[in-house]
Amino acid sequence: QVQLVESGGGLVQAGGSLRLSCAASGRTFSSWTMGWFRQAPGKEREFVAGISRSGSTNYAGFVKGRFTIFRDNAKNTLYLQMNRLKPEDTAAYYCAAKNGVLGSSVAEYDYWGQGTQVTVSS
């Protein structure tokens, strides 16, 4: 079992930056593959970025070069650094945990946080 709590969302102008955090508790954080997802109103939840236990990463095409996922196992925390934000990045952002290898499907992830809202104004 793992509990996840996101923070760091807010309102930012287009072109700005935000850093999201996801604090994990419960079983050993370092043993989980972690991911960030987002969901805009009226849309399905979609994959943003993932990081494996070993630190390998993968990204959705629409965020490559703008977002960076990283983890600090000593602090049991997952991060998403978001730069050059666009209005279309507006969504609730969720962190999630899974066993095994990197994955980009919602169904693969076992545990979810409650989400943090990111709003990008034009």
Protein backbone atom coordinates (compact mmCIF):
# COMPACT_ATOMS: atom_id res chain seq x y z
CA GLN A 1 0.00 0.00 0.00
CA VAL A 2 1.21 3.54 -0.73
CA GLN A 3 -0.40 6.90 -0.13
CA LEU A 4 0.26 9.75 -2.54
CA VAL A 5 -0.32 13.47 -1.98
CA GLU A 6 0.29 16.00 -4.75
CA SER A 7 1.07 19.68 -4.30
CA GLY A 8 2.46 22.61 -6.23
CA GLY A 9 -0.37 23.34 -8.63
CA GLY A 10 -1.68 26.83 -9.24
CA LEU A 11 -2.36 29.58 -11.74
CA VAL A 12 0.46 30.60 -14.07
CA GLN A 13 0.75 32.63 -17.25
CA ALA A 14 1.61 30.99 -20.54
CA GLY A 15 5.36 30.56 -20.82
CA GLY A 16 5.77 30.23 -17.07
CA SER A 17 6.90 27.33 -14.92
CA LEU A 18 5.60 25.21 -12.06
CA ARG A 19 7.04 22.32 -10.09
CA LEU A 20 4.64 19.67 -8.87
CA SER A 21 5.50 17.40 -5.98
CA CYS A 22 4.08 14.07 -4.92
CA ALA A 23 4.82 12.92 -1.38
CA ALA A 24 4.60 9.17 -0.86
CA SER A 25 4.14 7.18 2.31
CA GLY A 26 3.65 3.54 3.05
CA ARG A 27 5.72 0.85 1.39
CA THR A 28 9.21 1.67 0.16
CA PHE A 29 8.94 4.50 -2.36
CA SER A 30 12.07 3.49 -4.20
CA SER A 31 10.52 0.15 -5.22
CA TRP A 32 7.73 1.75 -7.25
CA THR A 33 7.59 2.93 -10.82
CA MET A 34 5.95 6.35 -10.71
CA GLY A 35 3.97 8.37 -13.18
CA TRP A 36 2.28 11.71 -13.74
CA PHE A 37 -1.07 11.90 -15.50
CA ARG A 38 -3.44 14.75 -16.20
CA GLN A 39 -7.12 15.19 -16.86
CA ALA A 40 -8.80 18.22 -18.36
CA PRO A 41 -12.56 18.80 -17.98
CA GLY A 42 -14.51 16.58 -20.33
CA LYS A 43 -11.44 14.62 -21.38
CA GLU A 44 -9.96 11.29 -20.43
CA ARG A 45 -7.02 11.03 -18.09
CA GLU A 46 -3.78 10.94 -20.07
CA PHE A 47 -0.19 9.99 -19.44
CA VAL A 48 2.34 12.78 -19.01
CA ALA A 49 5.59 11.19 -17.79
CA GLY A 50 6.94 8.15 -15.98
CA ILE A 51 10.07 7.18 -14.08
CA SER A 52 11.19 3.69 -13.17
CA ARG A 53 12.87 2.46 -10.01
CA SER A 54 16.24 2.81 -11.74
CA GLY A 55 15.54 6.32 -12.97
CA SER A 56 14.65 5.58 -16.59
CA THR A 57 12.05 8.00 -17.90
CA ASN A 58 9.46 8.28 -20.65
CA TYR A 59 7.30 11.18 -21.73
CA ALA A 60 4.20 11.89 -23.74
CA GLY A 61 5.06 13.53 -27.01
CA PHE A 62 3.30 16.75 -26.17
CA VAL A 63 5.57 17.48 -23.17
CA LYS A 64 8.97 16.40 -24.40
CA GLY A 65 11.52 19.13 -23.95
CA ARG A 66 9.25 21.12 -21.64
CA PHE A 67 8.59 18.82 -18.65
CA THR A 68 11.03 16.81 -16.56
CA ILE A 69 10.10 14.01 -14.17
CA PHE A 70 12.47 13.12 -11.37
CA ARG A 71 12.41 11.50 -7.98
CA ASP A 72 14.19 11.85 -4.66
CA ASN A 73 14.04 8.47 -2.97
CA ALA A 74 15.59 9.83 0.23
CA LYS A 75 12.64 12.21 0.56
CA ASN A 76 10.02 9.77 -0.77
CA THR A 77 9.01 12.42 -3.28
CA LEU A 78 8.25 12.51 -6.99
CA TYR A 79 8.49 15.75 -8.96
CA LEU A 80 7.36 17.18 -12.27
CA GLN A 81 9.15 20.31 -13.43
CA MET A 82 6.98 22.04 -16.01
CA ASN A 83 8.48 24.80 -18.16
CA ARG A 84 7.13 26.82 -21.08
CA LEU A 85 3.59 26.06 -20.00
CA LYS A 86 0.76 26.45 -22.50
CA PRO A 87 -2.97 27.04 -21.95
CA GLU A 88 -3.60 23.51 -23.22
CA ASP A 89 -1.61 22.17 -20.25
CA THR A 90 -4.48 23.26 -18.00
CA ALA A 91 -5.70 20.17 -16.13
CA ALA A 92 -5.76 18.35 -12.84
CA TYR A 93 -2.44 16.55 -12.46
CA TYR A 94 -2.20 13.21 -10.69
CA CYS A 95 0.72 11.12 -9.55
CA ALA A 96 0.44 7.35 -9.57
CA ALA A 97 2.45 4.29 -8.56
CA LYS A 98 2.82 0.84 -10.07
CA ASN A 99 4.92 -2.26 -9.83
CA GLY A 100 7.23 -3.30 -12.62
CA VAL A 101 8.44 -1.53 -15.72
CA LEU A 102 7.57 1.85 -17.14
CA GLY A 103 4.05 2.15 -18.45
CA SER A 104 1.80 4.82 -19.90
CA SER A 105 -1.64 3.30 -19.42
CA VAL A 106 -3.96 4.45 -16.65
CA ALA A 107 -4.99 0.84 -16.05
CA GLU A 108 -1.43 -0.21 -15.21
CA TYR A 109 -1.17 2.00 -12.13
CA ASP A 110 -2.33 0.74 -8.77
CA TYR A 111 -2.30 3.82 -6.53
CA TRP A 112 -3.33 7.40 -7.19
CA GLY A 113 -3.16 10.74 -5.46
CA GLN A 114 -6.07 13.16 -5.23
CA GLY A 115 -4.68 15.54 -7.85
CA THR A 116 -3.51 19.14 -7.99
CA GLN A 117 -4.95 21.74 -10.35
CA VAL A 118 -2.77 23.53 -12.89
CA THR A 119 -4.28 26.46 -14.75
CA VAL A 120 -2.35 28.25 -17.48
CA SER A 121 -3.70 31.60 -18.63
CA SER A 122 -3.08 32.99 -22.10
